[in-house]
C-alpha atoms as a PDB file:
ATOM      1  CA  MET A   1       0.000   0.000   0.000  1.00  0.00           C
ATOM      2  CA  SER A   2       2.881   2.372  -0.725  1.00  0.00           C
ATOM      3  CA  GLY A   3       3.513   3.565   2.841  1.00  0.00           C
ATOM      4  CA  LYS A   4      -0.107   4.256   3.770  1.00  0.00           C
ATOM      5  CA  ARG A   5      -1.414   2.629   6.908  1.00  0.00           C
ATOM      6  CA  CYS A   6      -5.034   1.624   6.438  1.00  0.00           C
ATOM      7  CA  GLN A   7      -7.354  -0.594   8.405  1.00  0.00           C
ATOM      8  CA  TRP A   8     -10.721  -2.056   7.492  1.00  0.00           C
ATOM      9  CA  LEU A   9     -13.406  -0.971   9.953  1.00  0.00           C
ATOM     10  CA  ALA A  10     -17.042  -2.046  10.133  1.00  0.00           C
ATOM     11  CA  GLY A  11     -18.189   1.070   8.262  1.00  0.00           C
ATOM     12  CA  GLY A  12     -15.390   1.177   5.681  1.00  0.00           C
ATOM     13  CA  TRP A  13     -11.697   1.964   5.482  1.00  0.00           C
ATOM     14  CA  GLY A  14      -9.903   3.793   8.269  1.00  0.00           C
ATOM     15  CA  THR A  15      -6.569   5.547   8.207  1.00  0.00           C
ATOM     16  CA  ASN A  16      -4.377   7.574  10.514  1.00  0.00           C
ATOM     17  CA  ILE A  17      -3.670  11.166   9.513  1.00  0.00           C
ATOM     18  CA  VAL A  18      -1.677  13.927  11.170  1.00  0.00           C
ATOM     19  CA  ILE A  19      -3.362  17.328  11.389  1.00  0.00           C
ATOM     20  CA  ASP A  20      -1.919  20.398  13.096  1.00  0.00           C
ATOM     21  CA  ASP A  21      -3.817  21.200  16.298  1.00  0.00           C
ATOM     22  CA  LYS A  22      -4.367  24.942  15.746  1.00  0.00           C
ATOM     23  CA  PRO A  23      -5.968  24.681  12.277  1.00  0.00           C
ATOM     24  CA  MET A  24      -8.150  21.832  13.551  1.00  0.00           C
ATOM     25  CA  ARG A  25      -9.257  23.836  16.611  1.00  0.00           C
ATOM     26  CA  ASP A  26      -9.993  26.834  14.389  1.00  0.00           C
ATOM     27  CA  THR A  27     -12.003  24.659  12.003  1.00  0.00           C
ATOM     28  CA  LEU A  28     -14.044  23.048  14.778  1.00  0.00           C
ATOM     29  CA  ARG A  29     -14.751  26.444  16.308  1.00  0.00           C
ATOM     30  CA  ALA A  30     -15.690  28.064  12.973  1.00  0.00           C
ATOM     31  CA  THR A  31     -17.947  25.247  11.776  1.00  0.00           C
ATOM     32  CA  GLY A  32     -19.527  24.112  15.021  1.00  0.00           C
ATOM     33  CA  LEU A  33     -18.498  20.534  14.288  1.00  0.00           C
ATOM     34  CA  LYS A  34     -17.755  18.544  17.430  1.00  0.00           C
ATOM     35  CA  THR A  35     -15.070  16.020  16.425  1.00  0.00           C
ATOM     36  CA  LYS A  36     -11.986  15.807  14.251  1.00  0.00           C
ATOM     37  CA  ARG A  37     -13.632  12.994  12.346  1.00  0.00           C
ATOM     38  CA  GLU A  38     -16.636  15.194  11.541  1.00  0.00           C
ATOM     39  CA  ALA A  39     -14.287  17.919  10.278  1.00  0.00           C
ATOM     40  CA  VAL A  40     -12.335  15.531   8.054  1.00  0.00           C
ATOM     41  CA  ASP A  41     -15.522  13.895   6.730  1.00  0.00           C
ATOM     42  CA  GLU A  42     -17.010  17.323   5.925  1.00  0.00           C
ATOM     43  CA  ALA A  43     -13.804  18.430   4.189  1.00  0.00           C
ATOM     44  CA  LEU A  44     -13.796  15.295   2.047  1.00  0.00           C
ATOM     45  CA  ARG A  45     -17.461  15.722   1.142  1.00  0.00           C
ATOM     46  CA  THR A  46     -16.918  19.398   0.328  1.00  0.00           C
ATOM     47  CA  CYS A  47     -13.864  18.742  -1.850  1.00  0.00           C
ATOM     48  CA  SER A  48     -15.182  15.729  -3.756  1.00  0.00           C
ATOM     49  CA  VAL A  49     -16.563  16.314  -7.214  1.00  0.00           C
END
């Protein structure tokens, strides 16, 4: 898998990512989302075409 660490979870694929704390805090505060997972999921939905 070319250096990516993935794991199959009940709902689909999971992976570990590193995100800087300050941008994540700012994003959670600005959007009202409650978890890092929600923020990442929303970003992926927003960016997908």
